[in-house]
């Protein structure tokens, strides 16, 4: 039987867990190997969350990124955000997004709502 599972506390532990995870990837559901794979996944996820966390983007950065991705202009945001002056205030972080704006951006630009509801970073 493979080594006993233990918490991942170091990079070496993490790398060994990843090797074991890959080895068990095709384990048949309901087998001890499949159970081990499930436990390894939890241990790996916990370690990664603590050591490789990725900050969620600022709502305005997410909008600007999506605009760049899709080749959109500020004018393209009018149906979602309103008149040009309001768009300018929002993109310059002088005005917050409303719930209706968040819904529209989510529906039309497919930006996750959990990103759009975050507080925007302060302007520098």
N, C-alpha and C. Protein backbone atom coordinates (compact mmCIF):
# COMPACT_ATOMS: atom_id res chain seq x y z
N UNK A 1 0.85 -1.20 0.00
CA UNK A 1 0.00 0.00 0.00
C UNK A 1 0.89 1.25 0.00
N UNK A 2 0.47 2.31 -0.72
CA UNK A 2 1.26 3.54 -0.75
C UNK A 2 1.39 4.16 0.65
N UNK A 3 2.29 5.12 0.75
CA UNK A 3 2.50 5.81 2.02
C UNK A 3 1.19 6.37 2.54
N UNK A 4 1.14 6.56 3.84
CA UNK A 4 -0.02 7.16 4.49
C UNK A 4 -0.12 8.63 4.06
N UNK A 5 -1.34 9.09 3.84
CA UNK A 5 -1.53 10.50 3.45
C UNK A 5 -1.25 11.39 4.65
N UNK A 6 -0.65 12.52 4.41
CA UNK A 6 -0.35 13.49 5.46
C UNK A 6 -0.50 14.89 4.88
N UNK A 7 -0.61 15.90 5.73
CA UNK A 7 -0.72 17.27 5.22
C UNK A 7 0.47 17.64 4.34
N UNK A 8 0.22 18.52 3.40
CA UNK A 8 1.29 19.03 2.53
C UNK A 8 1.84 20.28 3.20
N UNK A 9 3.10 20.21 3.61
CA UNK A 9 3.70 21.32 4.36
C UNK A 9 4.86 22.00 3.64
N UNK A 10 5.33 21.40 2.56
CA UNK A 10 6.49 21.97 1.86
C UNK A 10 6.31 21.80 0.36
N UNK A 11 7.19 22.46 -0.37
CA UNK A 11 7.16 22.33 -1.83
C UNK A 11 7.44 20.88 -2.23
N UNK A 12 8.35 20.22 -1.52
CA UNK A 12 8.66 18.81 -1.82
C UNK A 12 7.43 17.93 -1.58
N UNK A 13 6.71 18.18 -0.47
CA UNK A 13 5.47 17.43 -0.21
C UNK A 13 4.47 17.67 -1.33
N UNK A 14 4.37 18.92 -1.75
CA UNK A 14 3.42 19.29 -2.82
C UNK A 14 3.77 18.57 -4.12
N UNK A 15 5.04 18.59 -4.48
CA UNK A 15 5.46 17.94 -5.73
C UNK A 15 5.22 16.43 -5.67
N UNK A 16 5.47 15.82 -4.52
CA UNK A 16 5.22 14.39 -4.37
C UNK A 16 3.72 14.09 -4.47
N UNK A 17 2.91 14.96 -3.89
CA UNK A 17 1.46 14.78 -3.96
C UNK A 17 0.96 14.91 -5.40
N UNK A 18 1.55 15.84 -6.16
CA UNK A 18 1.15 16.02 -7.56
C UNK A 18 1.51 14.78 -8.39
N UNK A 19 2.68 14.19 -8.12
CA UNK A 19 3.09 12.96 -8.83
C UNK A 19 2.10 11.84 -8.51
N UNK A 20 1.78 11.70 -7.24
CA UNK A 20 0.83 10.66 -6.81
C UNK A 20 -0.56 10.92 -7.42
N UNK A 21 -0.97 12.16 -7.44
CA UNK A 21 -2.26 12.54 -8.03
C UNK A 21 -2.31 12.13 -9.50
N UNK A 22 -1.27 12.43 -10.23
CA UNK A 22 -1.21 12.07 -11.66
C UNK A 22 -1.25 10.56 -11.83
N UNK A 23 -0.55 9.84 -10.97
CA UNK A 23 -0.53 8.39 -11.04
C UNK A 23 -1.92 7.79 -10.83
N UNK A 24 -2.69 8.41 -9.95
CA UNK A 24 -4.02 7.90 -9.60
C UNK A 24 -5.15 8.45 -10.47
N UNK A 25 -4.83 9.32 -11.38
CA UNK A 25 -5.84 10.06 -12.15
C UNK A 25 -6.93 9.17 -12.76
N UNK A 26 -6.57 8.02 -13.28
CA UNK A 26 -7.53 7.14 -13.94
C UNK A 26 -8.11 6.08 -13.02
N UNK A 27 -8.02 6.28 -11.72
CA UNK A 27 -8.54 5.29 -10.77
C UNK A 27 -10.04 5.11 -10.96
N UNK A 28 -10.46 3.86 -10.88
CA UNK A 28 -11.87 3.53 -11.05
C UNK A 28 -12.66 4.00 -9.82
N UNK A 29 -13.80 4.65 -10.06
CA UNK A 29 -14.66 5.17 -8.99
C UNK A 29 -15.02 4.07 -8.01
N UNK A 30 -14.97 4.41 -6.72
CA UNK A 30 -15.35 3.46 -5.68
C UNK A 30 -14.23 2.56 -5.19
N UNK A 31 -13.03 2.74 -5.75
CA UNK A 31 -11.90 1.93 -5.32
C UNK A 31 -11.10 2.69 -4.26
N UNK A 32 -10.25 2.00 -3.52
CA UNK A 32 -9.38 2.70 -2.56
C UNK A 32 -8.50 3.74 -3.24
N UNK A 33 -8.08 3.46 -4.49
CA UNK A 33 -7.26 4.42 -5.23
C UNK A 33 -8.06 5.69 -5.53
N UNK A 34 -9.33 5.52 -5.87
CA UNK A 34 -10.20 6.68 -6.13
C UNK A 34 -10.39 7.51 -4.86
N UNK A 35 -10.57 6.82 -3.73
CA UNK A 35 -10.70 7.53 -2.45
C UNK A 35 -9.42 8.31 -2.14
N UNK A 36 -8.28 7.69 -2.38
CA UNK A 36 -6.99 8.35 -2.15
C UNK A 36 -6.87 9.58 -3.05
N UNK A 37 -7.30 9.45 -4.30
CA UNK A 37 -7.27 10.57 -5.24
C UNK A 37 -8.12 11.73 -4.71
N UNK A 38 -9.31 11.42 -4.19
CA UNK A 38 -10.18 12.46 -3.65
C UNK A 38 -9.52 13.20 -2.47
N UNK A 39 -8.90 12.44 -1.58
CA UNK A 39 -8.24 13.06 -0.43
C UNK A 39 -7.03 13.88 -0.88
N UNK A 40 -6.27 13.36 -1.82
CA UNK A 40 -5.13 14.12 -2.36
C UNK A 40 -5.60 15.44 -2.99
N UNK A 41 -6.71 15.40 -3.70
CA UNK A 41 -7.23 16.61 -4.33
C UNK A 41 -7.52 17.68 -3.27
N UNK A 42 -8.09 17.27 -2.15
CA UNK A 42 -8.38 18.23 -1.06
C UNK A 42 -7.09 18.77 -0.47
N UNK A 43 -6.14 17.90 -0.23
CA UNK A 43 -4.86 18.35 0.33
C UNK A 43 -4.14 19.31 -0.62
N UNK A 44 -4.13 18.98 -1.89
CA UNK A 44 -3.48 19.84 -2.90
C UNK A 44 -4.19 21.18 -3.00
N UNK A 45 -5.51 21.16 -3.04
CA UNK A 45 -6.28 22.40 -3.14
C UNK A 45 -6.02 23.30 -1.94
N UNK A 46 -5.96 22.72 -0.76
CA UNK A 46 -5.70 23.50 0.46
C UNK A 46 -4.30 24.13 0.41
N UNK A 47 -3.31 23.36 0.00
CA UNK A 47 -1.95 23.89 -0.10
C UNK A 47 -1.88 25.00 -1.15
N UNK A 48 -2.49 24.78 -2.30
CA UNK A 48 -2.46 25.79 -3.36
C UNK A 48 -3.16 27.07 -2.94
N UNK A 49 -4.27 26.94 -2.24
CA UNK A 49 -5.00 28.14 -1.78
C UNK A 49 -4.13 28.98 -0.85
N UNK A 50 -3.34 28.31 -0.04
CA UNK A 50 -2.49 29.03 0.92
C UNK A 50 -1.22 29.58 0.28
N UNK A 51 -0.71 28.91 -0.75
CA UNK A 51 0.59 29.30 -1.29
C UNK A 51 0.56 29.90 -2.70
N UNK A 52 -0.50 29.69 -3.43
CA UNK A 52 -0.57 30.17 -4.81
C UNK A 52 -1.83 30.97 -5.06
N UNK A 53 -2.31 31.66 -4.04
CA UNK A 53 -3.58 32.37 -4.21
C UNK A 53 -3.45 33.46 -5.27
N UNK A 54 -4.52 33.62 -6.01
CA UNK A 54 -4.58 34.62 -7.08
C UNK A 54 -5.67 35.61 -6.70
N UNK A 55 -5.31 36.88 -6.65
CA UNK A 55 -6.30 37.88 -6.33
C UNK A 55 -7.32 38.01 -7.45
N UNK A 56 -8.56 38.20 -7.04
CA UNK A 56 -9.62 38.45 -8.00
C UNK A 56 -9.42 39.86 -8.54
N UNK A 57 -9.59 40.08 -9.84
CA UNK A 57 -9.35 41.41 -10.38
C UNK A 57 -10.36 42.44 -9.89
N UNK A 58 -9.94 43.65 -9.91
CA UNK A 58 -10.80 44.79 -9.63
C UNK A 58 -11.89 44.84 -10.71
N UNK A 59 -13.13 45.24 -10.36
CA UNK A 59 -14.21 45.28 -11.36
C UNK A 59 -13.88 46.13 -12.59
N UNK A 60 -13.27 47.27 -12.38
CA UNK A 60 -12.96 48.14 -13.52
C UNK A 60 -11.88 47.52 -14.38
N UNK A 61 -10.87 46.92 -13.75
CA UNK A 61 -9.84 46.22 -14.53
C UNK A 61 -10.46 45.09 -15.34
N UNK A 62 -11.43 44.39 -14.76
CA UNK A 62 -12.10 43.30 -15.47
C UNK A 62 -12.88 43.83 -16.68
N UNK A 63 -13.55 44.96 -16.51
CA UNK A 63 -14.30 45.57 -17.63
C UNK A 63 -13.33 46.00 -18.72
N UNK A 64 -12.26 46.68 -18.33
CA UNK A 64 -11.28 47.15 -19.33
C UNK A 64 -10.63 45.98 -20.06
N UNK A 65 -10.35 44.91 -19.33
CA UNK A 65 -9.76 43.73 -19.95
C UNK A 65 -10.72 43.12 -20.97
N UNK A 66 -12.00 43.01 -20.59
CA UNK A 66 -12.99 42.44 -21.51
C UNK A 66 -13.19 43.34 -22.72
N UNK A 67 -13.15 44.65 -22.50
CA UNK A 67 -13.26 45.58 -23.63
C UNK A 67 -12.11 45.35 -24.61
N UNK A 68 -10.91 45.21 -24.07
CA UNK A 68 -9.73 44.99 -24.91
C UNK A 68 -9.85 43.64 -25.65
N UNK A 69 -10.27 42.61 -24.93
CA UNK A 69 -10.42 41.29 -25.53
C UNK A 69 -11.38 41.31 -26.71
N UNK A 70 -12.49 42.03 -26.55
CA UNK A 70 -13.55 42.01 -27.55
C UNK A 70 -13.49 43.20 -28.51
N UNK A 71 -12.48 44.04 -28.36
CA UNK A 71 -12.35 45.20 -29.24
C UNK A 71 -13.47 46.21 -29.07
N UNK A 72 -13.95 46.36 -27.83
CA UNK A 72 -15.07 47.27 -27.55
C UNK A 72 -14.57 48.67 -27.24
N UNK A 73 -15.41 49.64 -27.51
CA UNK A 73 -15.13 51.03 -27.16
C UNK A 73 -16.04 51.42 -25.99
N UNK A 74 -15.79 52.60 -25.46
CA UNK A 74 -16.66 53.10 -24.38
C UNK A 74 -18.10 53.23 -24.86
N UNK A 75 -18.25 53.60 -26.11
CA UNK A 75 -19.60 53.74 -26.67
C UNK A 75 -20.35 52.41 -26.62
N UNK A 76 -19.63 51.29 -26.78
CA UNK A 76 -20.26 49.97 -26.73
C UNK A 76 -20.82 49.65 -25.34
N UNK A 77 -20.36 50.37 -24.33
CA UNK A 77 -20.84 50.14 -22.97
C UNK A 77 -22.13 50.90 -22.65
N UNK A 78 -22.53 51.82 -23.52
CA UNK A 78 -23.71 52.64 -23.24
C UNK A 78 -24.97 51.84 -22.92
N UNK A 79 -25.27 50.76 -23.64
CA UNK A 79 -26.48 50.02 -23.28
C UNK A 79 -26.43 49.40 -21.88
N UNK A 80 -25.23 49.17 -21.38
CA UNK A 80 -25.07 48.54 -20.07
C UNK A 80 -24.89 49.55 -18.95
N UNK A 81 -24.22 50.67 -19.25
CA UNK A 81 -23.86 51.62 -18.20
C UNK A 81 -24.52 52.98 -18.31
N UNK A 82 -25.03 53.32 -19.47
CA UNK A 82 -25.68 54.62 -19.63
C UNK A 82 -24.85 55.59 -20.43
N UNK A 83 -25.11 56.88 -20.25
CA UNK A 83 -24.46 57.91 -21.07
C UNK A 83 -22.94 57.95 -20.90
N UNK A 84 -22.30 58.62 -21.87
CA UNK A 84 -20.82 58.70 -21.90
C UNK A 84 -20.22 59.23 -20.62
N UNK A 85 -20.83 60.28 -20.05
CA UNK A 85 -20.25 60.86 -18.82
C UNK A 85 -20.30 59.86 -17.67
N UNK A 86 -21.34 59.04 -17.59
CA UNK A 86 -21.43 58.03 -16.54
C UNK A 86 -20.37 56.94 -16.77
N UNK A 87 -20.19 56.54 -18.02
CA UNK A 87 -19.18 55.53 -18.34
C UNK A 87 -17.80 56.05 -17.93
N UNK A 88 -17.54 57.30 -18.24
CA UNK A 88 -16.26 57.91 -17.88
C UNK A 88 -16.06 57.90 -16.36
N UNK A 89 -17.08 58.29 -15.62
CA UNK A 89 -16.99 58.30 -14.16
C UNK A 89 -16.74 56.89 -13.61
N UNK A 90 -17.40 55.90 -14.19
CA UNK A 90 -17.23 54.52 -13.72
C UNK A 90 -15.82 54.03 -14.03
N UNK A 91 -15.39 54.20 -15.27
CA UNK A 91 -14.06 53.70 -15.65
C UNK A 91 -12.93 54.45 -14.97
N UNK A 92 -13.20 55.68 -14.52
CA UNK A 92 -12.21 56.45 -13.76
C UNK A 92 -12.37 56.27 -12.25
N UNK A 93 -13.24 55.31 -11.87
CA UNK A 93 -13.47 54.94 -10.48
C UNK A 93 -14.02 56.08 -9.63
N UNK A 94 -14.81 56.94 -10.24
CA UNK A 94 -15.42 58.03 -9.51
C UNK A 94 -16.89 57.73 -9.18
N UNK A 95 -17.42 56.69 -9.79
CA UNK A 95 -18.80 56.27 -9.56
C UNK A 95 -18.82 54.75 -9.48
N UNK A 96 -19.64 54.22 -8.57
CA UNK A 96 -19.75 52.78 -8.40
C UNK A 96 -20.75 52.19 -9.38
N UNK A 97 -20.58 50.91 -9.64
CA UNK A 97 -21.54 50.18 -10.46
C UNK A 97 -22.81 49.95 -9.66
N UNK A 98 -23.96 50.05 -10.32
CA UNK A 98 -25.23 49.72 -9.67
C UNK A 98 -25.53 48.24 -9.91
N UNK A 99 -26.50 47.74 -9.22
CA UNK A 99 -26.91 46.34 -9.41
C UNK A 99 -27.36 46.11 -10.85
N UNK A 100 -28.10 47.04 -11.41
CA UNK A 100 -28.55 46.88 -12.80
C UNK A 100 -27.37 46.87 -13.77
N UNK A 101 -26.38 47.71 -13.52
CA UNK A 101 -25.18 47.72 -14.37
C UNK A 101 -24.44 46.38 -14.25
N UNK A 102 -24.31 45.88 -13.02
CA UNK A 102 -23.62 44.61 -12.79
C UNK A 102 -24.34 43.49 -13.54
N UNK A 103 -25.66 43.48 -13.45
CA UNK A 103 -26.44 42.46 -14.16
C UNK A 103 -26.21 42.56 -15.67
N UNK A 104 -26.23 43.77 -16.19
CA UNK A 104 -26.06 43.96 -17.64
C UNK A 104 -24.66 43.55 -18.09
N UNK A 105 -23.64 43.95 -17.34
CA UNK A 105 -22.26 43.58 -17.69
C UNK A 105 -22.07 42.07 -17.63
N UNK A 106 -22.66 41.47 -16.63
CA UNK A 106 -22.57 40.02 -16.49
C UNK A 106 -23.26 39.32 -17.67
N UNK A 107 -24.45 39.77 -17.99
CA UNK A 107 -25.23 39.13 -19.05
C UNK A 107 -24.62 39.35 -20.44
N UNK A 108 -24.12 40.55 -20.69
CA UNK A 108 -23.69 40.88 -22.05
C UNK A 108 -22.19 40.67 -22.28
N UNK A 109 -21.38 40.87 -21.26
CA UNK A 109 -19.93 40.71 -21.43
C UNK A 109 -19.42 39.44 -20.76
N UNK A 110 -20.30 38.75 -20.03
CA UNK A 110 -19.97 37.50 -19.36
C UNK A 110 -18.84 37.65 -18.34
N UNK A 111 -18.82 38.80 -17.67
CA UNK A 111 -17.88 39.01 -16.57
C UNK A 111 -18.55 38.42 -15.34
N UNK A 112 -17.87 37.57 -14.59
CA UNK A 112 -18.50 36.97 -13.41
C UNK A 112 -19.01 38.03 -12.44
N UNK A 113 -20.23 37.84 -11.97
CA UNK A 113 -20.86 38.80 -11.05
C UNK A 113 -20.04 38.97 -9.77
N UNK A 114 -19.39 37.87 -9.31
CA UNK A 114 -18.61 37.97 -8.07
C UNK A 114 -17.43 38.92 -8.22
N UNK A 115 -16.97 39.15 -9.44
CA UNK A 115 -15.92 40.14 -9.68
C UNK A 115 -16.52 41.54 -9.69
N UNK A 116 -17.65 41.68 -10.36
CA UNK A 116 -18.26 43.00 -10.52
C UNK A 116 -18.80 43.58 -9.22
N UNK A 117 -19.15 42.75 -8.25
CA UNK A 117 -19.70 43.28 -7.00
C UNK A 117 -18.62 43.71 -6.01
N UNK A 118 -17.37 43.37 -6.31
CA UNK A 118 -16.29 43.79 -5.41
C UNK A 118 -16.12 45.29 -5.41
N UNK A 119 -15.57 45.79 -4.34
CA UNK A 119 -15.24 47.21 -4.25
C UNK A 119 -14.08 47.50 -5.20
N UNK A 120 -14.16 48.61 -5.90
CA UNK A 120 -13.08 48.97 -6.83
C UNK A 120 -11.91 49.52 -6.03
N UNK A 121 -10.70 49.33 -6.59
CA UNK A 121 -9.53 49.87 -5.91
C UNK A 121 -9.53 51.39 -6.04
N UNK A 122 -8.86 52.01 -5.13
CA UNK A 122 -8.80 53.47 -5.13
C UNK A 122 -7.95 53.97 -6.29
N UNK A 123 -8.30 55.13 -6.81
CA UNK A 123 -7.47 55.73 -7.85
C UNK A 123 -6.22 56.27 -7.22
N UNK A 124 -5.14 56.22 -7.98
CA UNK A 124 -3.84 56.67 -7.44
C UNK A 124 -3.58 58.09 -7.88
